[in-house]
Every structure is written in structure tokens, then in C-alpha cells.
């Protein structure tokens, strides 16, 4: 597989699972920490250049990559929790991403497997399958948290860590934090650099890192740009699914309209193409169920 295919597939990856999908003991420390994050970020949320109360960050070390989004959702935490407190719901939510073409649960092996293609128009039989395990840490009126892990990924990646947590706010809103991270090998890093020097040139994320000579903001590129674009896609998936968990067509429309607020980063295909793709995916999965 080419370095372009490798990195494109890596950036499409996100999955969850159902190894121990039952709440653990009260997670008061998590709620307290997230409340502190909200209070710290509140001024930035109110003036976010992203056009909504949201903060997006990314980080890269020699071994790992991480993307995070903090944001306010216009619905109560109870609705967010009810929408995402079961692994089957995570399958539905993650399928909103245009590169995620199938998702299945395996009760016997206690896994959730996501089929990911490097580009949305590639046939599903060319997808990479990724299985994850996870647990629902807390689903109380004051705090929601789900954590998802996979020890081994494709192309030398490993140690995937995925989390979604939330707390209630006033006026029927909630504050959520979505993050994902994984470790990369030396071979993965080298392939990534090759991709970024060729096919990935010109791709940008959301973080402003400087100013161009024209006066326009210079946006982060490279691996951080790729991570930020996918972090945004998944945050928009959480937003759309928690708003319309029982309305398939509506959540498709919500997700697509959300991406179109950021055309430079996320304008990948037309709305008609996206709707057709996802309707086809749903029909195929329905036909495959026993």
C-alpha cells in the first residue's frame, strides 16, 4: 500500500466497542476535571473563530498523535448520554463519517468492528477492519464518559485511546470533550512525512499558526492538520447523532451541513453524493443482518 493510502486510512480511523459496556463506580474526579476545563476555556468558547462555542487542539510527539475537541452542544446531557450509552449507537454515530463504510457488533467476541476506506468512493471490500473494546465509565445526570481502546492498529500503529465525556450546563445545554490518540512506529512516521511532502501538500487544519504575507491567517498543516480535520468530522458526528438518534435522514443532513461551515477543510463531496453513499451503506448493512 502506498504512503498516501496508509496515512489517509489512518486519519479515517475511529471506532468503539462493547467489552464492558456497563457503568463503573461514580466518576466524580472526571466530572470535576471537566468542569475545571470548561471554566478555563469559557472565554475562548465565547469568541471561538470556529463560529460556534468550540476549541480544537492537536499534539504530536515522537511516538504519538492526538486530537481533541471541547465544545458546547445545544441539548441536555441526558439526551447526549441516552444517544451514546450503547455500542450499537456508536456504530450509527461513527457511520456518519464519509470514510466509515460499515460497522458491526460481535457479541461473542465482545467487539465493535469498523470498516474504513482511505477515500469515500473506494469499495467496501477494500476497507481496513478495526476492532475495538471499550467501557461506559459513567452515565449519571452529572457526568457521562465512555472510553475505547485497541492495542494494535494497521501499518505499525498501536495503543488507540478514544474518549467522550460530558457535563450538564445551564439552559439545557451540555459541555463535551472528545479525544482520540494513537502511537505510531518509525515506519509509520516516515510514510507520513512522505505523504505530506507530496499528496498531502496544501492540506490544512483549523489552528492558526501564523500570518501569511497577504494578511490571511496561516493554518496548521501536516499531520496535525489531518488530525484536526478528522477530529472535527467526529465531533460533528457526535453533535448530529445526539440531536437526531432516531432520525437517519435528519442526522445525515445535520452532519453534512456542519461540515460545510468549513469548506476549506471539509468540503469533500456534494450533499447528494454524501446522502447517496450513506443510504447505500445503510441498505447494505440491513441486508447483511441475519
Protein backbone atom coordinates (compact mmCIF):
# COMPACT_ATOMS: atom_id res chain seq x y z
CA UNK A 1 0.00 0.00 0.00
CA UNK A 2 1.28 3.47 -0.84
CA UNK A 3 2.20 6.02 1.81
CA UNK A 4 -0.75 8.12 0.63
CA UNK A 5 -3.13 5.22 1.23
CA UNK A 6 -1.53 4.45 4.58
CA UNK A 7 -1.92 7.91 6.02
CA UNK A 8 -5.37 8.51 4.51
CA UNK A 9 -6.61 5.32 6.12
CA UNK A 10 -5.01 6.16 9.46
CA UNK A 11 -6.71 9.53 9.54
CA UNK A 12 -10.10 7.95 8.87
CA UNK A 13 -9.82 5.61 11.86
CA UNK A 14 -12.19 5.89 14.75
CA UNK A 15 -14.03 3.02 16.44
CA UNK A 16 -15.59 1.91 19.72
CA UNK A 17 -16.54 -1.35 21.37
CA UNK A 18 -18.59 -3.17 23.98
CA UNK A 19 -16.22 -5.27 26.06
CA UNK A 20 -17.64 -3.96 29.35
CA UNK A 21 -20.38 -1.58 28.33
CA UNK A 22 -21.73 -1.08 31.82
CA UNK A 23 -21.11 1.95 34.05
CA UNK A 24 -18.31 1.78 36.59
CA UNK A 25 -18.35 3.42 40.01
CA UNK A 26 -19.10 7.15 40.23
CA UNK A 27 -16.58 9.21 38.27
CA UNK A 28 -16.62 12.36 40.40
CA UNK A 29 -13.00 13.19 39.64
CA UNK A 30 -13.71 13.16 35.90
CA UNK A 31 -16.68 15.48 36.30
CA UNK A 32 -14.65 17.85 38.45
CA UNK A 33 -11.79 17.93 35.96
CA UNK A 34 -14.11 18.56 33.01
CA UNK A 35 -15.88 21.34 34.92
CA UNK A 36 -12.50 22.96 35.54
CA UNK A 37 -11.70 22.69 31.83
CA UNK A 38 -14.99 24.38 30.98
CA UNK A 39 -14.31 27.28 33.33
CA UNK A 40 -10.82 27.71 31.89
CA UNK A 41 -11.99 27.55 28.27
CA UNK A 42 -15.20 29.58 28.66
CA UNK A 43 -13.72 32.90 27.41
CA UNK A 44 -12.30 31.19 24.32
CA UNK A 45 -15.53 29.32 23.68
CA UNK A 46 -17.46 32.57 23.63
CA UNK A 47 -15.16 34.08 20.97
CA UNK A 48 -14.20 30.96 19.02
CA UNK A 49 -13.10 31.60 15.41
CA UNK A 50 -14.80 28.30 14.52
CA UNK A 51 -18.18 30.03 14.52
CA UNK A 52 -19.57 28.12 17.50
CA UNK A 53 -18.50 27.54 21.13
CA UNK A 54 -15.73 25.08 20.40
CA UNK A 55 -11.99 24.65 20.94
CA UNK A 56 -9.98 22.21 18.82
CA UNK A 57 -6.40 21.19 19.58
CA UNK A 58 -3.86 18.67 18.36
CA UNK A 59 -0.50 17.40 19.54
CA UNK A 60 2.30 15.26 18.13
CA UNK A 61 5.26 13.63 19.87
CA UNK A 62 7.89 11.28 18.53
CA UNK A 63 5.61 8.30 19.22
CA UNK A 64 2.03 9.54 19.39
CA UNK A 65 -0.62 11.75 17.80
CA UNK A 66 -3.70 13.20 19.46
CA UNK A 67 -6.70 15.32 18.50
CA UNK A 68 -9.19 16.86 20.93
CA UNK A 69 -12.37 18.93 20.70
CA UNK A 70 -14.11 20.72 23.56
CA UNK A 71 -17.50 22.18 22.71
CA UNK A 72 -20.97 23.19 23.86
CA UNK A 73 -23.94 21.25 22.47
CA UNK A 74 -27.41 22.79 22.34
CA UNK A 75 -29.09 19.91 24.16
CA UNK A 76 -29.15 18.48 27.70
CA UNK A 77 -26.53 15.99 28.80
CA UNK A 78 -29.29 13.44 29.38
CA UNK A 79 -30.06 13.46 25.66
CA UNK A 80 -26.38 13.09 24.72
CA UNK A 81 -25.98 10.24 27.22
CA UNK A 82 -29.10 8.41 26.03
CA UNK A 83 -27.92 8.68 22.43
CA UNK A 84 -24.45 7.25 23.08
CA UNK A 85 -24.76 4.89 26.05
CA UNK A 86 -24.76 1.69 23.95
CA UNK A 87 -22.21 0.29 21.48
CA UNK A 88 -24.84 -0.06 18.73
CA UNK A 89 -25.42 3.68 18.97
CA UNK A 90 -21.69 4.29 18.50
CA UNK A 91 -21.82 2.27 15.29
CA UNK A 92 -24.61 4.51 14.00
CA UNK A 93 -22.82 7.68 15.06
CA UNK A 94 -19.47 6.76 13.54
CA UNK A 95 -21.08 5.79 10.25
CA UNK A 96 -21.78 9.49 9.66
CA UNK A 97 -18.10 9.92 8.76
CA UNK A 98 -17.82 9.62 4.99
CA UNK A 99 -14.87 7.17 5.14
CA UNK A 100 -16.57 4.76 7.55
CA UNK A 101 -18.47 2.33 5.34
CA UNK A 102 -19.62 -0.41 7.73
CA UNK A 103 -19.81 -1.15 11.44
CA UNK A 104 -20.78 -4.38 13.16
CA UNK A 105 -21.11 -5.75 16.69
CA UNK A 106 -19.83 -9.16 17.70
CA UNK A 107 -21.47 -10.25 20.93
CA UNK A 108 -19.44 -13.46 21.17
CA UNK A 109 -16.08 -11.72 20.96
CA UNK A 110 -17.38 -8.54 22.61
CA UNK A 111 -16.05 -6.25 19.93
CA UNK A 112 -17.21 -3.49 17.64
CA UNK A 113 -15.59 -3.51 14.20
CA UNK A 114 -15.47 -0.51 11.90
CA UNK A 115 -14.70 -0.81 8.16
CA UNK A 116 -12.67 2.18 6.97
CA UNK A 117 -11.64 3.17 3.45
CA UNK A 118 -8.90 5.68 2.66
CA UNK A 119 -11.26 7.61 0.34
CA UNK A 120 -15.03 7.58 0.48
CA UNK A 121 -15.57 6.25 -3.06
CA UNK A 122 -13.40 3.13 -2.63
CA UNK A 123 -15.39 -0.14 -2.49
CA UNK A 124 -16.13 -1.56 0.92
CA UNK A 125 -14.31 -4.80 0.11
CA UNK A 126 -11.10 -2.73 0.06
CA UNK A 127 -11.69 -1.42 3.58
CA UNK A 128 -9.47 -1.97 6.61
CA UNK A 129 -11.34 -3.56 9.53
CA UNK A 130 -10.56 -2.27 13.01
CA UNK A 131 -11.89 -3.91 16.17
CA UNK A 132 -12.04 -2.07 19.49
CA UNK A 133 -13.05 -2.73 23.06
CA UNK A 134 -14.46 -0.21 25.47
CA UNK A 135 -16.47 0.61 28.53
CA UNK A 136 -19.06 3.06 29.72
CA UNK A 137 -17.39 4.72 32.69
CA UNK A 138 -20.28 6.88 33.83
CA UNK A 139 -23.80 7.76 32.73
CA UNK A 140 -25.23 9.85 35.56
CA UNK A 141 -27.17 13.13 35.37
CA UNK A 142 -23.94 14.97 36.23
CA UNK A 143 -21.35 13.18 34.09
CA UNK A 144 -21.09 10.97 31.02
CA UNK A 145 -17.91 9.17 29.98
CA UNK A 146 -17.11 6.37 27.54
CA UNK A 147 -13.60 5.08 26.90
CA UNK A 148 -12.49 2.94 23.96
CA UNK A 149 -9.20 1.17 23.33
CA UNK A 150 -7.37 -1.00 20.84
CA UNK A 151 -3.91 -2.41 21.41
CA UNK A 152 -2.98 -2.85 17.78
CA UNK A 153 -3.85 -0.92 14.63
CA UNK A 154 -2.83 -1.06 10.96
CA UNK A 155 0.57 -0.15 9.47
CA UNK A 156 2.53 -0.20 12.71
CA UNK A 157 0.12 1.89 14.77
CA UNK A 158 -0.93 0.83 18.26
CA UNK A 159 -2.45 1.85 21.58
CA UNK A 160 -5.55 3.66 20.35
CA UNK A 161 -7.23 5.71 23.09
CA UNK A 162 -10.64 7.23 22.39
CA UNK A 163 -12.88 9.04 24.85
CA UNK A 164 -16.07 11.07 25.03
CA UNK A 165 -17.14 12.82 28.22
CA UNK A 166 -19.69 15.47 29.09
CA UNK A 167 -21.23 17.55 31.87
CA UNK A 168 -24.52 19.49 32.03
CA UNK A 169 -24.63 23.26 31.64
CA UNK A 170 -27.38 25.75 32.36
CA UNK A 171 -30.19 26.46 29.91
CA UNK A 172 -30.47 22.85 28.75
CA UNK A 173 -27.00 22.65 27.18
CA UNK A 174 -24.00 20.39 27.73
CA UNK A 175 -20.23 20.66 27.52
CA UNK A 176 -18.45 17.71 25.91
CA UNK A 177 -14.87 16.66 25.33
CA UNK A 178 -13.99 14.25 22.53
CA UNK A 179 -10.46 12.94 22.04
CA UNK A 180 -8.55 10.24 20.24
CA UNK A 181 -4.90 9.27 20.15
CA UNK A 182 -2.65 6.51 18.91
CA UNK A 183 1.03 5.58 18.87
CA UNK A 184 3.00 5.36 15.63
CA UNK A 185 6.09 3.39 14.68
CA UNK A 186 9.17 4.79 12.95
CA UNK A 187 7.94 3.30 9.66
CA UNK A 188 4.55 4.97 10.06
CA UNK A 189 6.16 8.33 10.77
CA UNK A 190 8.39 8.03 7.70
CA UNK A 191 5.45 7.17 5.45
CA UNK A 192 3.55 10.11 6.89
CA UNK A 193 6.36 12.51 6.07
CA UNK A 194 6.44 11.18 2.51
CA UNK A 195 2.71 11.67 2.12
CA UNK A 196 2.82 15.19 3.50
CA UNK A 197 5.60 16.15 1.11
CA UNK A 198 3.56 15.04 -1.91
CA UNK A 199 -0.16 14.28 -1.92
CA UNK A 200 -0.84 15.93 1.43
CA UNK A 201 0.72 19.24 0.46
CA UNK A 202 -1.63 22.16 0.92
CA UNK A 203 -3.98 20.36 3.31
CA UNK A 204 -4.75 22.37 6.42
CA UNK A 205 -6.48 22.06 9.76
CA UNK A 206 -8.10 24.72 11.95
CA UNK A 207 -5.40 26.03 14.31
CA UNK A 208 -3.89 29.38 13.34
CA UNK A 209 -0.09 29.16 13.48
CA UNK A 210 0.90 32.46 11.86
CA UNK A 211 0.00 35.06 9.28
CA UNK A 212 0.53 34.95 5.55
CA UNK A 213 2.04 37.88 3.64
CA UNK A 214 -1.46 38.68 2.39
CA UNK A 215 -2.61 39.15 5.96
CA UNK A 216 -4.69 35.97 5.93
CA UNK A 217 -4.19 33.54 8.84
CA UNK A 218 -1.84 30.64 8.24
CA UNK A 219 -3.43 27.36 9.30
CA UNK A 220 -1.68 24.29 10.65
CA UNK A 221 -0.77 21.67 8.06
CA UNK A 222 0.95 18.30 8.11
CA UNK A 223 -0.17 15.50 10.39
CA UNK A 224 -1.71 17.94 12.85
CA UNK A 225 -3.86 19.38 10.10
CA UNK A 226 -5.06 15.90 9.14
CA UNK A 227 -5.85 15.02 12.73
CA UNK A 228 -7.75 18.24 13.25
CA UNK A 229 -9.92 17.69 10.19
CA UNK A 230 -10.91 14.25 11.39
CA UNK A 231 -11.40 15.39 14.97
CA UNK A 232 -13.86 17.95 13.64
CA UNK A 233 -15.65 15.35 11.50
CA UNK A 234 -16.17 13.14 14.53
CA UNK A 235 -17.24 15.97 16.81
CA UNK A 236 -19.84 16.90 14.20
CA UNK A 237 -20.93 13.25 14.16
CA UNK A 238 -21.44 13.30 17.94
CA UNK A 239 -23.39 16.54 17.59
CA UNK A 240 -25.61 15.33 14.73
CA UNK A 241 -26.32 11.88 16.16
CA UNK A 242 -27.13 13.12 19.67
CA UNK A 243 -29.56 15.61 18.13
CA UNK A 244 -31.34 13.03 15.93
CA UNK A 245 -30.59 9.47 17.14
CA UNK A 246 -33.90 8.15 15.78
CA UNK A 247 -33.97 10.08 12.51
CA UNK A 248 -31.47 8.70 9.99
CA UNK A 249 -32.04 11.21 7.18
CA UNK A 250 -32.00 14.18 9.53
CA UNK A 251 -28.70 13.30 11.13
CA UNK A 252 -27.14 12.86 7.70
CA UNK A 253 -28.31 16.35 6.78
CA UNK A 254 -27.10 17.79 10.08
CA UNK A 255 -23.63 16.24 9.70
CA UNK A 256 -23.21 17.39 6.13
CA UNK A 257 -24.39 20.93 6.83
CA UNK A 258 -21.96 21.07 9.74
CA UNK A 259 -19.02 20.19 7.51
CA UNK A 260 -19.98 22.88 5.00
CA UNK A 261 -19.29 25.59 7.57
CA UNK A 262 -15.61 24.74 6.99
CA UNK A 263 -15.29 24.31 3.21
CA UNK A 264 -11.53 24.76 3.07
CA UNK A 265 -11.01 21.79 5.38
CA UNK A 266 -14.08 19.56 4.92
CA UNK A 267 -15.67 20.13 1.51
CA UNK A 268 -15.10 16.62 0.15
CA UNK A 269 -18.23 15.83 -1.88
CA UNK A 270 -21.66 17.20 -2.72
CA UNK A 271 -24.63 16.70 -0.42
CA UNK A 272 -26.34 14.49 -3.00
CA UNK A 273 -23.23 12.30 -3.23
CA UNK A 274 -22.96 12.04 0.54
CA UNK A 275 -26.63 11.13 1.03
CA UNK A 276 -26.48 8.51 -1.71
CA UNK A 277 -23.31 7.00 -0.20
CA UNK A 278 -24.73 6.72 3.30
CA UNK A 279 -28.12 5.43 2.17
CA UNK A 280 -26.30 2.71 0.24
CA UNK A 281 -24.20 1.83 3.29
CA UNK A 282 -27.32 1.54 5.45
CA UNK A 283 -29.14 -0.65 2.95
CA UNK A 284 -26.11 -2.94 2.62
CA UNK A 285 -25.80 -3.34 6.39
CA UNK A 286 -29.52 -4.01 6.77
CA UNK A 287 -29.34 -6.71 4.11
CA UNK A 288 -26.34 -8.33 5.83
CA UNK A 289 -28.08 -8.70 9.21
CA UNK A 290 -29.45 -12.21 9.92
